[in-house]
C-alpha atoms as a PDB file:
ATOM      1  CA  MET A   1      16.356  13.706 -23.975  1.00  0.00           C
ATOM      2  CA  LYS A   2      14.688  13.719 -20.553  1.00  0.00           C
ATOM      3  CA  CYS A   3      16.319  14.684 -17.289  1.00  0.00           C
ATOM      4  CA  PHE A   4      14.788  13.542 -13.990  1.00  0.00           C
ATOM      5  CA  PRO A   5      15.866  14.634 -10.503  1.00  0.00           C
ATOM      6  CA  PHE A   6      17.833  12.253  -8.323  1.00  0.00           C
ATOM      7  CA  ILE A   7      17.454  12.579  -4.549  1.00  0.00           C
ATOM      8  CA  GLN A   8      20.616  11.640  -2.709  1.00  0.00           C
ATOM      9  CA  ALA A   9      20.505   9.386   0.363  1.00  0.00           C
ATOM     10  CA  GLY A  10      19.981  11.097   3.693  1.00  0.00           C
ATOM     11  CA  TRP A  11      16.689  12.820   2.979  1.00  0.00           C
ATOM     12  CA  GLU A  12      13.796  12.298   5.365  1.00  0.00           C
ATOM     13  CA  VAL A  13      10.080  12.946   5.148  1.00  0.00           C
ATOM     14  CA  SER A  14       7.197  12.564   7.578  1.00  0.00           C
ATOM     15  CA  VAL A  15       3.850  11.261   6.375  1.00  0.00           C
ATOM     16  CA  GLU A  16       0.580  11.076   8.287  1.00  0.00           C
ATOM     17  CA  TYR A  17      -1.864   8.253   7.555  1.00  0.00           C
ATOM     18  CA  ILE A  18      -5.370   7.853   8.917  1.00  0.00           C
ATOM     19  CA  VAL A  19      -6.228   4.178   9.359  1.00  0.00           C
ATOM     20  CA  MET A  20      -9.986   3.791   9.651  1.00  0.00           C
ATOM     21  CA  ASP A  21     -10.172   0.001  10.030  1.00  0.00           C
ATOM     22  CA  ASP A  22      -9.649  -1.477  13.509  1.00  0.00           C
ATOM     23  CA  LEU A  23      -8.467  -4.749  11.938  1.00  0.00           C
ATOM     24  CA  ILE A  24      -5.248  -3.036  10.810  1.00  0.00           C
ATOM     25  CA  THR A  25      -2.856  -3.131  13.732  1.00  0.00           C
ATOM     26  CA  GLU A  26       0.355  -1.154  14.111  1.00  0.00           C
ATOM     27  CA  ASP A  27       2.444  -4.237  13.313  1.00  0.00           C
ATOM     28  CA  VAL A  28       0.486  -5.049  10.143  1.00  0.00           C
ATOM     29  CA  PHE A  29       0.648  -1.422   8.996  1.00  0.00           C
ATOM     30  CA  LYS A  30       4.404  -1.208   9.575  1.00  0.00           C
ATOM     31  CA  ARG A  31       5.077  -4.480   7.723  1.00  0.00           C
ATOM     32  CA  HIS A  32       3.097  -3.253   4.706  1.00  0.00           C
ATOM     33  CA  LEU A  33       4.970   0.066   4.650  1.00  0.00           C
ATOM     34  CA  GLU A  34       8.307  -1.757   4.788  1.00  0.00           C
ATOM     35  CA  ALA A  35       7.290  -4.071   1.935  1.00  0.00           C
ATOM     36  CA  ALA A  36       6.104  -1.093  -0.128  1.00  0.00           C
ATOM     37  CA  GLY A  37       9.482   0.576   0.342  1.00  0.00           C
ATOM     38  CA  GLN A  38      11.326  -2.448  -1.009  1.00  0.00           C
ATOM     39  CA  PHE A  39       9.026  -3.765  -3.734  1.00  0.00           C
ATOM     40  CA  VAL A  40       6.883  -0.834  -4.920  1.00  0.00           C
ATOM     41  CA  GLY A  41       8.868   2.348  -4.223  1.00  0.00           C
ATOM     42  CA  VAL A  42       8.021   5.877  -5.381  1.00  0.00           C
ATOM     43  CA  GLY A  43       8.707   7.795  -8.571  1.00  0.00           C
ATOM     44  CA  ARG A  44       8.957   6.988 -12.245  1.00  0.00           C
ATOM     45  CA  PHE A  45      11.772   4.378 -12.269  1.00  0.00           C
ATOM     46  CA  ARG A  46      10.630   2.536  -9.144  1.00  0.00           C
ATOM     47  CA  PRO A  47      10.942  -1.239  -8.587  1.00  0.00           C
ATOM     48  CA  GLU A  48       7.259  -1.798  -9.394  1.00  0.00           C
ATOM     49  CA  ASN A  49       7.953  -0.554 -12.937  1.00  0.00           C
ATOM     50  CA  GLY A  50      11.135  -2.595 -13.385  1.00  0.00           C
ATOM     51  CA  GLY A  51      13.469   0.138 -12.135  1.00  0.00           C
ATOM     52  CA  PHE A  52      15.916   0.302  -9.279  1.00  0.00           C
ATOM     53  CA  TYR A  53      15.363   3.824  -7.912  1.00  0.00           C
ATOM     54  CA  GLY A  54      12.638   4.919  -5.518  1.00  0.00           C
ATOM     55  CA  ARG A  55      13.112   2.424  -2.708  1.00  0.00           C
ATOM     56  CA  PHE A  56      12.636   3.793   0.784  1.00  0.00           C
ATOM     57  CA  GLU A  57      13.197   2.678   4.365  1.00  0.00           C
ATOM     58  CA  ILE A  58      10.818   3.111   7.301  1.00  0.00           C
ATOM     59  CA  VAL A  59      12.770   4.600  10.215  1.00  0.00           C
ATOM     60  CA  SER A  60       9.954   4.828  12.743  1.00  0.00           C
ATOM     61  CA  VAL A  61       6.202   4.524  13.111  1.00  0.00           C
ATOM     62  CA  LYS A  62       4.337   6.560  15.728  1.00  0.00           C
ATOM     63  CA  TRP A  63       0.969   4.957  16.347  1.00  0.00           C
ATOM     64  CA  SER A  64      -1.823   6.744  18.199  1.00  0.00           C
ATOM     65  CA  GLU A  65      -5.419   5.776  18.837  1.00  0.00           C
END
């Protein structure tokens, strides 16, 4: 029997991305992150693999040139 960790709601994490293509605007980047949080997710039992855990929500995006 396997036991996997479950992260309760309320956790936050900061991630830094380096976007090297000028065609990707802040709006496009944010929309793709939001879609990834709903339809792809993270972890083993994420939506992309037919699961229902691993969804995430984008709280803010800080864009700098």
